[in-house]
Structure formats: structure tokens, C-alpha cells
Amino acid sequence: MEEGKNEIMELRQMIEGYFERQNKLIARLEMELEALSNFNGKQMLDSRDMRLQLKVCDRTLIRWRMSGKLPSFKISGKVYFWAFDVYKFLREEYGTTVLPEALEEQEPIIINNKNGKSK
């Protein structure tokens, strides 16, 4: 009888440990997701967002980055761009992009929703 109780207690501890690790992982992923989309009030775009919004290929983005014309940074090996830098780059390079007021004021804006359309 005592042996059965010990097994149940061990199983319970294993399950509690599993859920604790799972909850920590979920919390970490939520923090990283939040950090990826908005950091200190500035909107961040990944390479996929850039390709969809600007209708350019990966190679074009790489050329712009390597030339130093379009600033970028990496988080966990993934390349990101500040939305403000993207608009500034487009305005300087092509002269046709109007910088949205939200970016002029450095407020966060949503560049891309789940459907790939601007809001």
C-alpha cells in the first residue's frame, strides 16, 4: 500500500515538473513574440514582411542590407528591420514614399496583419 502511494507521489511530481517547464517555455515564447513585433514602441519587420510589403525578392533585401543602405539586425539568427528605417530608406532611395505620421512621431504602427494587407 505504501509503495503505491510513493509511485503516485512520484508520478504527481513528474507531471507537476512537466507542467512547470511547459509554462516557463510558453512564457518565454510569449515574451519573444512580443519582442519581435514591437520593441520599445518601434515596429519591427522580418524579411518575410519586407518581401510581401515591398514585393521584392530575398536577394534584393540582401543587397540593400550588405550595401549598408538598409539597416538591419539579427535576433536568434533571424534578420529584422525597423519600420522607421525602411520608410526612411525608401524615401531617400526612391523619393516617393511618404513617411506616415506615426513613424515621424516614433509611435508603433501595424505594418502587416495576418492577411498581408496594411491597416
PDB file of N, CA and C in Angstrom:
ATOM      1  N   MET A   1       0.824  -1.189   0.000  1.00  0.00           N
ATOM      2  CA  MET A   1       0.000   0.000   0.000  1.00  0.00           C
ATOM      3  C   MET A   1       0.876   1.265   0.000  1.00  0.00           C
ATOM      4  N   GLU A   2       1.896   1.258   0.848  1.00  0.00           N
ATOM      5  CA  GLU A   2       2.818   2.397   0.933  1.00  0.00           C
ATOM      6  C   GLU A   2       3.555   2.592  -0.391  1.00  0.00           C
ATOM      7  N   GLU A   3       3.902   1.475  -1.027  1.00  0.00           N
ATOM      8  CA  GLU A   3       4.612   1.539  -2.310  1.00  0.00           C
ATOM      9  C   GLU A   3       3.754   2.210  -3.386  1.00  0.00           C
ATOM     10  N   GLY A   4       2.476   1.934  -3.390  1.00  0.00           N
ATOM     11  CA  GLY A   4       1.547   2.546  -4.345  1.00  0.00           C
ATOM     12  C   GLY A   4       1.452   4.048  -4.151  1.00  0.00           C
ATOM     13  N   LYS A   5       1.424   4.478  -2.884  1.00  0.00           N
ATOM     14  CA  LYS A   5       1.368   5.918  -2.590  1.00  0.00           C
ATOM     15  C   LYS A   5       2.635   6.620  -3.066  1.00  0.00           C
ATOM     16  N   ASN A   6       3.777   5.963  -2.866  1.00  0.00           N
ATOM     17  CA  ASN A   6       5.048   6.547  -3.311  1.00  0.00           C
ATOM     18  C   ASN A   6       5.081   6.700  -4.824  1.00  0.00           C
ATOM     19  N   GLU A   7       4.585   5.693  -5.541  1.00  0.00           N
ATOM     20  CA  GLU A   7       4.551   5.766  -7.006  1.00  0.00           C
ATOM     21  C   GLU A   7       3.645   6.895  -7.473  1.00  0.00           C
ATOM     22  N   ILE A   8       2.508   7.040  -6.795  1.00  0.00           N
ATOM     23  CA  ILE A   8       1.577   8.118  -7.150  1.00  0.00           C
ATOM     24  C   ILE A   8       2.222   9.478  -6.883  1.00  0.00           C
ATOM     25  N   MET A   9       2.914   9.613  -5.770  1.00  0.00           N
ATOM     26  CA  MET A   9       3.588  10.874  -5.444  1.00  0.00           C
ATOM     27  C   MET A   9       4.685  11.193  -6.463  1.00  0.00           C
ATOM     28  N   GLU A  10       5.450  10.175  -6.851  1.00  0.00           N
ATOM     29  CA  GLU A  10       6.499  10.374  -7.858  1.00  0.00           C
ATOM     30  C   GLU A  10       5.896  10.791  -9.189  1.00  0.00           C
ATOM     31  N   LEU A  11       4.811  10.126  -9.575  1.00  0.00           N
ATOM     32  CA  LEU A  11       4.138  10.460 -10.828  1.00  0.00           C
ATOM     33  C   LEU A  11       3.603  11.888 -10.779  1.00  0.00           C
ATOM     34  N   ARG A  12       3.028  12.253  -9.642  1.00  0.00           N
ATOM     35  CA  ARG A  12       2.494  13.600  -9.482  1.00  0.00           C
ATOM     36  C   ARG A  12       3.611  14.640  -9.605  1.00  0.00           C
ATOM     37  N   GLN A  13       4.742  14.381  -8.971  1.00  0.00           N
ATOM     38  CA  GLN A  13       5.877  15.300  -9.046  1.00  0.00           C
ATOM     39  C   GLN A  13       6.401  15.421 -10.478  1.00  0.00           C
ATOM     40  N   MET A  14       6.440  14.291 -11.191  1.00  0.00           N
ATOM     41  CA  MET A  14       6.886  14.323 -12.588  1.00  0.00           C
ATOM     42  C   MET A  14       5.948  15.170 -13.436  1.00  0.00           C
ATOM     43  N   ILE A  15       4.645  14.989 -13.234  1.00  0.00           N
ATOM     44  CA  ILE A  15       3.653  15.744 -14.004  1.00  0.00           C
ATOM     45  C   ILE A  15       3.736  17.226 -13.659  1.00  0.00           C
ATOM     46  N   GLU A  16       3.854  17.551 -12.382  1.00  0.00           N
ATOM     47  CA  GLU A  16       3.979  18.957 -11.977  1.00  0.00           C
ATOM     48  C   GLU A  16       5.237  19.590 -12.567  1.00  0.00           C
ATOM     49  N   GLY A  17       6.336  18.842 -12.572  1.00  0.00           N
ATOM     50  CA  GLY A  17       7.574  19.334 -13.175  1.00  0.00           C
ATOM     51  C   GLY A  17       7.413  19.581 -14.662  1.00  0.00           C
ATOM     52  N   TYR A  18       6.710  18.671 -15.333  1.00  0.00           N
ATOM     53  CA  TYR A  18       6.458  18.826 -16.767  1.00  0.00           C
ATOM     54  C   TYR A  18       5.663  20.098 -17.030  1.00  0.00           C
ATOM     55  N   PHE A  19       4.572  20.298 -16.270  1.00  0.00           N
ATOM     56  CA  PHE A  19       3.745  21.482 -16.479  1.00  0.00           C
ATOM     57  C   PHE A  19       4.493  22.766 -16.123  1.00  0.00           C
ATOM     58  N   GLU A  20       5.331  22.710 -15.122  1.00  0.00           N
ATOM     59  CA  GLU A  20       6.126  23.886 -14.760  1.00  0.00           C
ATOM     60  C   GLU A  20       7.079  24.262 -15.896  1.00  0.00           C
ATOM     61  N   ARG A  21       7.758  23.263 -16.464  1.00  0.00           N
ATOM     62  CA  ARG A  21       8.658  23.527 -17.599  1.00  0.00           C
ATOM     63  C   ARG A  21       7.874  24.042 -18.800  1.00  0.00           C
ATOM     64  N   GLN A  22       6.703  23.450 -19.036  1.00  0.00           N
ATOM     65  CA  GLN A  22       5.876  23.876 -20.162  1.00  0.00           C
ATOM     66  C   GLN A  22       5.421  25.328 -19.978  1.00  0.00           C
ATOM     67  N   ASN A  23       4.993  25.684 -18.776  1.00  0.00           N
ATOM     68  CA  ASN A  23       4.557  27.058 -18.515  1.00  0.00           C
ATOM     69  C   ASN A  23       5.701  28.059 -18.677  1.00  0.00           C
ATOM     70  N   LYS A  24       6.905  27.684 -18.243  1.00  0.00           N
ATOM     71  CA  LYS A  24       8.069  28.556 -18.425  1.00  0.00           C
ATOM     72  C   LYS A  24       8.371  28.750 -19.905  1.00  0.00           C
ATOM     73  N   LEU A  25       8.274  27.667 -20.671  1.00  0.00           N
ATOM     74  CA  LEU A  25       8.523  27.752 -22.107  1.00  0.00           C
ATOM     75  C   LEU A  25       7.489  28.634 -22.793  1.00  0.00           C
ATOM     76  N   ILE A  26       6.234  28.470 -22.436  1.00  0.00           N
ATOM     77  CA  ILE A  26       5.171  29.296 -23.016  1.00  0.00           C
ATOM     78  C   ILE A  26       5.403  30.768 -22.686  1.00  0.00           C
ATOM     79  N   ALA A  27       5.746  31.061 -21.440  1.00  0.00           N
ATOM     80  CA  ALA A  27       6.003  32.451 -21.041  1.00  0.00           C
ATOM     81  C   ALA A  27       7.172  33.033 -21.829  1.00  0.00           C
ATOM     82  N   ARG A  28       8.221  32.240 -22.013  1.00  0.00           N
ATOM     83  CA  ARG A  28       9.382  32.714 -22.771  1.00  0.00           C
ATOM     84  C   ARG A  28       9.012  32.976 -24.229  1.00  0.00           C
ATOM     85  N   LEU A  29       8.245  32.077 -24.831  1.00  0.00           N
ATOM     86  CA  LEU A  29       7.829  32.260 -26.220  1.00  0.00           C
ATOM     87  C   LEU A  29       6.938  33.487 -26.376  1.00  0.00           C
ATOM     88  N   GLU A  30       6.056  33.713 -25.420  1.00  0.00           N
ATOM     89  CA  GLU A  30       5.201  34.898 -25.478  1.00  0.00           C
ATOM     90  C   GLU A  30       6.025  36.174 -25.394  1.00  0.00           C
ATOM     91  N   MET A  31       7.031  36.178 -24.523  1.00  0.00           N
ATOM     92  CA  MET A  31       7.901  37.351 -24.409  1.00  0.00           C
ATOM     93  C   MET A  31       8.675  37.580 -25.701  1.00  0.00           C
ATOM     94  N   GLU A  32       9.201  36.513 -26.293  1.00  0.00           N
ATOM     95  CA  GLU A  32       9.958  36.652 -27.533  1.00  0.00           C
ATOM     96  C   GLU A  32       9.064  37.120 -28.668  1.00  0.00           C
ATOM     97  N   LEU A  33       7.844  36.602 -28.732  1.00  0.00           N
ATOM     98  CA  LEU A  33       6.912  37.024 -29.772  1.00  0.00           C
ATOM     99  C   LEU A  33       6.594  38.503 -29.640  1.00  0.00           C
ATOM    100  N   GLU A  34       6.349  38.954 -28.431  1.00  0.00           N
ATOM    101  CA  GLU A  34       6.087  40.371 -28.195  1.00  0.00           C
ATOM    102  C   GLU A  34       7.295  41.215 -28.589  1.00  0.00           C
ATOM    103  N   ALA A  35       8.480  40.752 -28.232  1.00  0.00           N
ATOM    104  CA  ALA A  35       9.701  41.493 -28.555  1.00  0.00           C
ATOM    105  C   ALA A  35       9.916  41.567 -30.054  1.00  0.00           C
ATOM    106  N   LEU A  36       9.527  40.532 -30.767  1.00  0.00           N
ATOM    107  CA  LEU A  36       9.748  40.515 -32.206  1.00  0.00           C
ATOM    108  C   LEU A  36       8.839  41.478 -32.948  1.00  0.00           C
ATOM    109  N   SER A  37       7.656  41.702 -32.446  1.00  0.00           N
ATOM    110  CA  SER A  37       6.737  42.553 -33.183  1.00  0.00           C
ATOM    111  C   SER A  37       6.812  44.019 -32.772  1.00  0.00           C
ATOM    112  N   ASN A  38       7.229  44.282 -31.549  1.00  0.00           N
ATOM    113  CA  ASN A  38       7.240  45.663 -31.094  1.00  0.00           C
ATOM    114  C   ASN A  38       8.270  45.795 -29.979  1.00  0.00           C
ATOM    115  N   PHE A  39       9.258  46.625 -30.181  1.00  0.00           N
ATOM    116  CA  PHE A  39      10.320  46.781 -29.194  1.00  0.00           C
ATOM    117  C   PHE A  39      10.460  48.250 -28.849  1.00  0.00           C
ATOM    118  N   ASN A  40      10.226  48.586 -27.594  1.00  0.00           N
ATOM    119  CA  ASN A  40      10.329  49.973 -27.125  1.00  0.00           C
ATOM    120  C   ASN A  40       9.535  50.941 -27.994  1.00  0.00           C
ATOM    121  N   GLY A  41       8.345  50.536 -28.386  1.00  0.00           N
ATOM    122  CA  GLY A  41       7.480  51.409 -29.165  1.00  0.00           C
ATOM    123  C   GLY A  41       7.839  51.521 -30.628  1.00  0.00           C
ATOM    124  N   LYS A  42       8.756  50.696 -31.103  1.00  0.00           N
ATOM    125  CA  LYS A  42       9.143  50.738 -32.509  1.00  0.00           C
ATOM    126  C   LYS A  42       8.721  49.441 -33.185  1.00  0.00           C
ATOM    127  N   GLN A  43       8.147  49.566 -34.360  1.00  0.00           N
ATOM    128  CA  GLN A  43       7.672  48.404 -35.107  1.00  0.00           C
ATOM    129  C   GLN A  43       8.833  47.719 -35.816  1.00  0.00           C
ATOM    130  N   MET A  44       8.886  46.391 -35.704  1.00  0.00           N
ATOM    131  CA  MET A  44       9.926  45.605 -36.368  1.00  0.00           C
ATOM    132  C   MET A  44       9.301  44.761 -37.469  1.00  0.00           C
ATOM    133  N   LEU A  45      10.039  44.593 -38.557  1.00  0.00           N
ATOM    134  CA  LEU A  45       9.602  43.755 -39.674  1.00  0.00           C
ATOM    135  C   LEU A  45      10.649  42.691 -39.932  1.00  0.00           C
ATOM    136  N   ASP A  46      10.205  41.475 -40.212  1.00  0.00           N
ATOM    137  CA  ASP A  46      11.173  40.448 -40.589  1.00  0.00           C
ATOM    138  C   ASP A  46      11.299  40.424 -42.115  1.00  0.00           C
ATOM    139  N   SER A  47      12.163  39.572 -42.620  1.00  0.00           N
ATOM    140  CA  SER A  47      12.413  39.528 -44.064  1.00  0.00           C
ATOM    141  C   SER A  47      11.154  39.171 -44.842  1.00  0.00           C
ATOM    142  N   ARG A  48      10.348  38.274 -44.291  1.00  0.00           N
ATOM    143  CA  ARG A  48       9.110  37.882 -44.975  1.00  0.00           C
ATOM    144  C   ARG A  48       8.172  39.083 -45.104  1.00  0.00           C
ATOM    145  N   ASP A  49       7.989  39.835 -44.014  1.00  0.00           N
ATOM    146  CA  ASP A  49       7.163  41.043 -44.064  1.00  0.00           C
ATOM    147  C   ASP A  49       7.679  42.003 -45.133  1.00  0.00           C
ATOM    148  N   MET A  50       8.989  42.160 -45.170  1.00  0.00           N
ATOM    149  CA  MET A  50       9.599  43.073 -46.143  1.00  0.00           C
ATOM    150  C   MET A  50       9.319  42.622 -47.574  1.00  0.00           C
ATOM    151  N   ARG A  51       9.511  41.336 -47.836  1.00  0.00           N
ATOM    152  CA  ARG A  51       9.274  40.826 -49.196  1.00  0.00           C
ATOM    153  C   ARG A  51       7.820  41.034 -49.611  1.00  0.00           C
ATOM    154  N   LEU A  52       6.888  40.757 -48.703  1.00  0.00           N
ATOM    155  CA  LEU A  52       5.471  40.914 -49.022  1.00  0.00           C
ATOM    156  C   LEU A  52       5.091  42.376 -49.218  1.00  0.00           C
ATOM    157  N   GLN A  53       5.566  43.238 -48.338  1.00  0.00           N
ATOM    158  CA  GLN A  53       5.203  44.649 -48.412  1.00  0.00           C
ATOM    159  C   GLN A  53       5.824  45.359 -49.613  1.00  0.00           C
ATOM    160  N   LEU A  54       7.080  45.056 -49.880  1.00  0.00           N
ATOM    161  CA  LEU A  54       7.799  45.768 -50.941  1.00  0.00           C
ATOM    162  C   LEU A  54       7.795  45.030 -52.275  1.00  0.00           C
ATOM    163  N   LYS A  55       7.310  43.786 -52.249  1.00  0.00           N
ATOM    164  CA  LYS A  55       7.266  42.954 -53.460  1.00  0.00           C
ATOM    165  C   LYS A  55       8.653  42.835 -54.098  1.00  0.00           C
ATOM    166  N   VAL A  56       9.617  42.460 -53.255  1.00  0.00           N
ATOM    167  CA  VAL A  56      10.982  42.233 -53.719  1.00  0.00           C
ATOM    168  C   VAL A  56      11.416  40.837 -53.290  1.00  0.00           C
ATOM    169  N   CYS A  57      12.475  40.351 -53.901  1.00  0.00           N
ATOM    170  CA  CYS A  57      12.975  39.014 -53.561  1.00  0.00           C
ATOM    171  C   CYS A  57      14.003  39.103 -52.429  1.00  0.00           C
ATOM    172  N   ASP A  58      14.343  37.942 -51.898  1.00  0.00           N
ATOM    173  CA  ASP A  58      15.338  37.864 -50.824  1.00  0.00           C
ATOM    174  C   ASP A  58      16.659  38.502 -51.236  1.00  0.00           C
ATOM    175  N   ARG A  59      17.064  38.238 -52.461  1.00  0.00           N
ATOM    176  CA  ARG A  59      18.357  38.746 -52.941  1.00  0.00           C
ATOM    177  C   ARG A  59      18.404  40.278 -52.904  1.00  0.00           C
ATOM    178  N   THR A  60      17.292  40.918 -53.251  1.00  0.00           N
ATOM    179  CA  THR A  60      17.237  42.382 -53.213  1.00  0.00           C
ATOM    180  C   THR A  60      17.417  42.885 -51.786  1.00  0.00           C
ATOM    181  N   LEU A  61      16.732  42.246 -50.842  1.00  0.00           N
ATOM    182  CA  LEU A  61      16.892  42.635 -49.434  1.00  0.00           C
ATOM    183  C   LEU A  61      18.333  42.463 -48.976  1.00  0.00           C
ATOM    184  N   ILE A  62      18.932  41.351 -49.380  1.00  0.00           N
ATOM    185  CA  ILE A  62      20.325  41.090 -49.004  1.00  0.00           C
ATOM    186  C   ILE A  62      21.239  42.163 -49.582  1.00  0.00           C
ATOM    187  N   ARG A  63      21.028  42.537 -50.849  1.00  0.00           N
ATOM    188  CA  ARG A  63      21.843  43.594 -51.474  1.00  0.00           C
ATOM    189  C   ARG A  63      21.702  44.908 -50.718  1.00  0.00           C
ATOM    190  N   TRP A  64      20.464  45.278 -50.391  1.00  0.00           N
ATOM    191  CA  TRP A  64      20.235  46.523 -49.661  1.00  0.00           C
ATOM    192  C   TRP A  64      20.924  46.492 -48.301  1.00  0.00           C
ATOM    193  N   ARG A  65      20.834  45.343 -47.618  1.00  0.00           N
ATOM    194  CA  ARG A  65      21.472  45.215 -46.303  1.00  0.00           C
ATOM    195  C   ARG A  65      22.982  45.289 -46.423  1.00  0.00           C
ATOM    196  N   MET A  66      23.549  44.523 -47.348  1.00  0.00           N
ATOM    197  CA  MET A  66      25.003  44.446 -47.484  1.00  0.00           C
ATOM    198  C   MET A  66      25.607  45.770 -47.935  1.00  0.00           C
ATOM    199  N   SER A  67      24.846  46.553 -48.689  1.00  0.00           N
ATOM    200  CA  SER A  67      25.349  47.850 -49.138  1.00  0.00           C
ATOM    201  C   SER A  67      25.343  48.874 -48.001  1.00  0.00           C
ATOM    202  N   GLY A  68      24.635  48.543 -46.914  1.00  0.00           N
ATOM    203  CA  GLY A  68      24.538  49.468 -45.790  1.00  0.00           C
ATOM    204  C   GLY A  68      23.424  50.482 -45.949  1.00  0.00           C
ATOM    205  N   LYS A  69      22.691  50.391 -47.053  1.00  0.00           N
ATOM    206  CA  LYS A  69      21.608  51.344 -47.294  1.00  0.00           C
ATOM    207  C   LYS A  69      20.407  51.100 -46.385  1.00  0.00           C
ATOM    208  N   LEU A  70      20.166  49.836 -46.052  1.00  0.00           N
ATOM    209  CA  LEU A  70      19.017  49.482 -45.229  1.00  0.00           C
ATOM    210  C   LEU A  70      19.502  48.791 -43.957  1.00  0.00           C
ATOM    211  N   PRO A  71      19.500  49.505 -42.831  1.00  0.00           N
ATOM    212  CA  PRO A  71      19.974  48.914 -41.578  1.00  0.00           C
ATOM    213  C   PRO A  71      19.113  47.726 -41.157  1.00  0.00           C
ATOM    214  N   SER A  72      19.768  46.727 -40.599  1.00  0.00           N
ATOM    215  CA  SER A  72      19.061  45.544 -40.107  1.00  0.00           C
ATOM    216  C   SER A  72      19.785  45.020 -38.875  1.00  0.00           C
ATOM    217  N   PHE A  73      19.178  44.067 -38.230  1.00  0.00           N
ATOM    218  CA  PHE A  73      19.793  43.429 -37.067  1.00  0.00           C
ATOM    219  C   PHE A  73      19.259  42.013 -36.968  1.00  0.00           C
ATOM    220  N   LYS A  74      19.935  41.199 -36.172  1.00  0.00           N
ATOM    221  CA  LYS A  74      19.537  39.800 -36.033  1.00  0.00           C
ATOM    222  C   LYS A  74      19.147  39.490 -34.595  1.00  0.00           C
ATOM    223  N   ILE A  75      18.131  38.652 -34.471  1.00  0.00           N
ATOM    224  CA  ILE A  75      17.738  38.083 -33.189  1.00  0.00           C
ATOM    225  C   ILE A  75      17.635  36.586 -33.420  1.00  0.00           C
ATOM    226  N   SER A  76      18.424  35.829 -32.699  1.00  0.00           N
ATOM    227  CA  SER A  76      18.453  34.364 -32.848  1.00  0.00           C
ATOM    228  C   SER A  76      18.663  33.958 -34.304  1.00  0.00           C
ATOM    229  N   GLY A  77      19.505  34.690 -35.009  1.00  0.00           N
ATOM    230  CA  GLY A  77      19.848  34.350 -36.379  1.00  0.00           C
ATOM    231  C   GLY A  77      18.860  34.831 -37.426  1.00  0.00           C
ATOM    232  N   LYS A  78      17.757  35.434 -37.022  1.00  0.00           N
ATOM    233  CA  LYS A  78      16.750  35.921 -37.963  1.00  0.00           C
ATOM    234  C   LYS A  78      16.924  37.424 -38.155  1.00  0.00           C
ATOM    235  N   VAL A  79      16.826  37.877 -39.403  1.00  0.00           N
ATOM    236  CA  VAL A  79      17.055  39.282 -39.749  1.00  0.00           C
ATOM    237  C   VAL A  79      15.769  40.088 -39.573  1.00  0.00           C
ATOM    238  N   TYR A  80      15.906  41.265 -38.948  1.00  0.00           N
ATOM    239  CA  TYR A  80      14.785  42.178 -38.744  1.00  0.00           C
ATOM    240  C   TYR A  80      15.179  43.585 -39.173  1.00  0.00           C
ATOM    241  N   PHE A  81      14.154  44.389 -39.450  1.00  0.00           N
ATOM    242  CA  PHE A  81      14.323  45.779 -39.858  1.00  0.00           C
ATOM    243  C   PHE A  81      13.385  46.630 -39.015  1.00  0.00           C
ATOM    244  N   TRP A  82      13.820  47.837 -38.661  1.00  0.00           N
ATOM    245  CA  TRP A  82      12.919  48.787 -38.019  1.00  0.00           C
ATOM    246  C   TRP A  82      12.066  49.411 -39.116  1.00  0.00           C
ATOM    247  N   ALA A  83      10.765  49.500 -38.885  1.00  0.00           N
ATOM    248  CA  ALA A  83       9.854  50.077 -39.879  1.00  0.00           C
ATOM    249  C   ALA A  83      10.275  51.503 -40.226  1.00  0.00           C
ATOM    250  N   PHE A  84      10.708  52.259 -39.235  1.00  0.00           N
ATOM    251  CA  PHE A  84      11.147  53.628 -39.475  1.00  0.00           C
ATOM    252  C   PHE A  84      12.298  53.665 -40.476  1.00  0.00           C
ATOM    253  N   ASP A  85      13.278  52.768 -40.311  1.00  0.00           N
ATOM    254  CA  ASP A  85      14.424  52.717 -41.225  1.00  0.00           C
ATOM    255  C   ASP A  85      13.999  52.338 -42.636  1.00  0.00           C
ATOM    256  N   VAL A  86      13.006  51.463 -42.739  1.00  0.00           N
ATOM    257  CA  VAL A  86      12.519  51.043 -44.058  1.00  0.00           C
ATOM    258  C   VAL A  86      11.901  52.224 -44.785  1.00  0.00           C
ATOM    259  N   TYR A  87      11.017  52.959 -44.105  1.00  0.00           N
ATOM    260  CA  TYR A  87      10.394  54.119 -44.742  1.00  0.00           C
ATOM    261  C   TYR A  87      11.428  55.185 -45.090  1.00  0.00           C
ATOM    262  N   LYS A  88      12.363  55.389 -44.197  1.00  0.00           N
ATOM    263  CA  LYS A  88      13.423  56.369 -44.455  1.00  0.00           C
ATOM    264  C   LYS A  88      14.241  55.958 -45.679  1.00  0.00           C
ATOM    265  N   PHE A  89      14.611  54.683 -45.752  1.00  0.00           N
ATOM    266  CA  PHE A  89      15.364  54.160 -46.892  1.00  0.00           C
ATOM    267  C   PHE A  89      14.589  54.359 -48.194  1.00  0.00           C
ATOM    268  N   LEU A  90      13.310  53.999 -48.194  1.00  0.00           N
ATOM    269  CA  LEU A  90      12.503  54.132 -49.411  1.00  0.00           C
ATOM    270  C   LEU A  90      12.363  55.589 -49.830  1.00  0.00           C
ATOM    271  N   ARG A  91      12.206  56.455 -48.853  1.00  0.00           N
ATOM    272  CA  ARG A  91      12.076  57.879 -49.165  1.00  0.00           C
ATOM    273  C   ARG A  91      13.375  58.419 -49.762  1.00  0.00           C
ATOM    274  N   GLU A  92      14.518  58.043 -49.167  1.00  0.00           N
ATOM    275  CA  GLU A  92      15.808  58.533 -49.652  1.00  0.00           C
ATOM    276  C   GLU A  92      16.186  57.930 -50.999  1.00  0.00           C
ATOM    277  N   GLU A  93      15.923  56.650 -51.189  1.00  0.00           N
ATOM    278  CA  GLU A  93      16.322  55.963 -52.420  1.00  0.00           C
ATOM    279  C   GLU A  93      15.397  56.251 -53.593  1.00  0.00           C
ATOM    280  N   TYR A  94      14.101  56.306 -53.319  1.00  0.00           N
ATOM    281  CA  TYR A  94      13.136  56.401 -54.411  1.00  0.00           C
ATOM    282  C   TYR A  94      12.325  57.685 -54.399  1.00  0.00           C
ATOM    283  N   GLY A  95      12.367  58.413 -53.309  1.00  0.00           N
ATOM    284  CA  GLY A  95      11.750  59.723 -53.238  1.00  0.00           C
ATOM    285  C   GLY A  95      10.240  59.759 -53.326  1.00  0.00           C
ATOM    286  N   THR A  96       9.584  58.610 -53.307  1.00  0.00           N
ATOM    287  CA  THR A  96       8.136  58.610 -53.487  1.00  0.00           C
ATOM    288  C   THR A  96       7.367  58.206 -52.238  1.00  0.00           C
ATOM    289  N   THR A  97       8.033  57.636 -51.265  1.00  0.00           N
ATOM    290  CA  THR A  97       7.338  57.145 -50.084  1.00  0.00           C
ATOM    291  C   THR A  97       7.132  58.271 -49.087  1.00  0.00           C
ATOM    292  N   VAL A  98       5.898  58.464 -48.695  1.00  0.00           N
ATOM    293  CA  VAL A  98       5.581  59.450 -47.672  1.00  0.00           C
ATOM    294  C   VAL A  98       5.682  58.753 -46.326  1.00  0.00           C
ATOM    295  N   LEU A  99       6.420  59.339 -45.429  1.00  0.00           N
ATOM    296  CA  LEU A  99       6.605  58.751 -44.113  1.00  0.00           C
ATOM    297  C   LEU A  99       5.336  58.949 -43.290  1.00  0.00           C
ATOM    298  N   PRO A 100       4.703  57.864 -42.843  1.00  0.00           N
ATOM    299  CA  PRO A 100       3.476  58.010 -42.043  1.00  0.00           C
ATOM    300  C   PRO A 100       3.729  58.817 -40.778  1.00  0.00           C
ATOM    301  N   GLU A 101       2.724  59.576 -40.357  1.00  0.00           N
ATOM    302  CA  GLU A 101       2.868  60.410 -39.161  1.00  0.00           C
ATOM    303  C   GLU A 101       3.262  59.586 -37.948  1.00  0.00           C
ATOM    304  N   ALA A 102       2.715  58.391 -37.840  1.00  0.00           N
ATOM    305  CA  ALA A 102       3.024  57.547 -36.677  1.00  0.00           C
ATOM    306  C   ALA A 102       4.513  57.263 -36.591  1.00  0.00           C
ATOM    307  N   LEU A 103       5.161  57.110 -37.743  1.00  0.00           N
ATOM    308  CA  LEU A 103       6.597  56.862 -37.733  1.00  0.00           C
ATOM    309  C   LEU A 103       7.366  58.140 -37.462  1.00  0.00           C
ATOM    310  N   GLU A 104       6.875  59.250 -37.955  1.00  0.00           N
ATOM    311  CA  GLU A 104       7.529  60.527 -37.674  1.00  0.00           C
ATOM    312  C   GLU A 104       7.575  60.758 -36.167  1.00  0.00           C
ATOM    313  N   GLU A 105       6.502  60.351 -35.466  1.00  0.00           N
ATOM    314  CA  GLU A 105       6.414  60.546 -34.025  1.00  0.00           C
ATOM    315  C   GLU A 105       7.007  59.379 -33.257  1.00  0.00           C
ATOM    316  N   GLN A 106       7.537  58.361 -33.960  1.00  0.00           N
ATOM    317  CA  GLN A 106       8.133  57.180 -33.344  1.00  0.00           C
ATOM    318  C   GLN A 106       7.129  56.369 -32.541  1.00  0.00           C
ATOM    319  N   GLU A 107       5.861  56.383 -32.939  1.00  0.00           N
ATOM    320  CA  GLU A 107       4.865  55.556 -32.278  1.00  0.00           C
ATOM    321  C   GLU A 107       4.779  54.229 -33.015  1.00  0.00           C
ATOM    322  N   PRO A 108       4.390  53.147 -32.324  1.00  0.00           N
ATOM    323  CA  PRO A 108       4.265  51.867 -33.011  1.00  0.00           C
ATOM    324  C   PRO A 108       3.089  51.887 -33.973  1.00  0.00           C
ATOM    325  N   ILE A 109       3.269  51.260 -35.123  1.00  0.00           N
ATOM    326  CA  ILE A 109       2.180  51.113 -36.078  1.00  0.00           C
ATOM    327  C   ILE A 109       2.140  49.668 -36.529  1.00  0.00           C
ATOM    328  N   ILE A 110       1.019  49.260 -37.061  1.00  0.00           N
ATOM    329  CA  ILE A 110       0.906  47.910 -37.600  1.00  0.00           C
ATOM    330  C   ILE A 110       1.121  48.012 -39.095  1.00  0.00           C
ATOM    331  N   ILE A 111       2.181  47.383 -39.571  1.00  0.00           N
ATOM    332  CA  ILE A 111       2.514  47.418 -40.984  1.00  0.00           C
ATOM    333  C   ILE A 111       1.792  46.306 -41.721  1.00  0.00           C
ATOM    334  N   ASN A 112       1.652  45.165 -41.065  1.00  0.00           N
ATOM    335  CA  ASN A 112       1.150  43.993 -41.749  1.00  0.00           C
ATOM    336  C   ASN A 112       0.269  43.197 -40.808  1.00  0.00           C
ATOM    337  N   ASN A 113      -0.958  42.883 -41.261  1.00  0.00           N
ATOM    338  CA  ASN A 113      -1.780  41.996 -40.453  1.00  0.00           C
ATOM    339  C   ASN A 113      -1.679  40.584 -41.003  1.00  0.00           C
ATOM    340  N   LYS A 114      -2.459  39.650 -40.481  1.00  0.00           N
ATOM    341  CA  LYS A 114      -2.334  38.248 -40.860  1.00  0.00           C
ATOM    342  C   LYS A 114      -2.645  38.002 -42.332  1.00  0.00           C
ATOM    343  N   ASN A 115      -3.434  38.866 -42.948  1.00  0.00           N
ATOM    344  CA  ASN A 115      -3.792  38.692 -44.354  1.00  0.00           C
ATOM    345  C   ASN A 115      -2.768  39.290 -45.300  1.00  0.00           C
ATOM    346  N   GLY A 116      -1.728  39.913 -44.757  1.00  0.00           N
ATOM    347  CA  GLY A 116      -0.702  40.517 -45.591  1.00  0.00           C
ATOM    348  C   GLY A 116      -1.086  41.880 -46.120  1.00  0.00           C
ATOM    349  N   LYS A 117      -2.130  42.494 -45.560  1.00  0.00           N
ATOM    350  CA  LYS A 117      -2.571  43.807 -46.012  1.00  0.00           C
ATOM    351  C   LYS A 117      -2.274  44.842 -44.940  1.00  0.00           C
ATOM    352  N   SER A 118      -1.972  46.049 -45.366  1.00  0.00           N
ATOM    353  CA  SER A 118      -1.711  47.127 -44.410  1.00  0.00           C
ATOM    354  C   SER A 118      -3.003  47.556 -43.760  1.00  0.00           C
ATOM    355  N   LYS A 119      -2.905  47.988 -42.511  1.00  0.00           N
ATOM    356  CA  LYS A 119      -4.083  48.507 -41.802  1.00  0.00           C
ATOM    357  C   LYS A 119      -4.065  50.003 -41.846  1.00  0.00           C
TER     358      LYS A 119
END
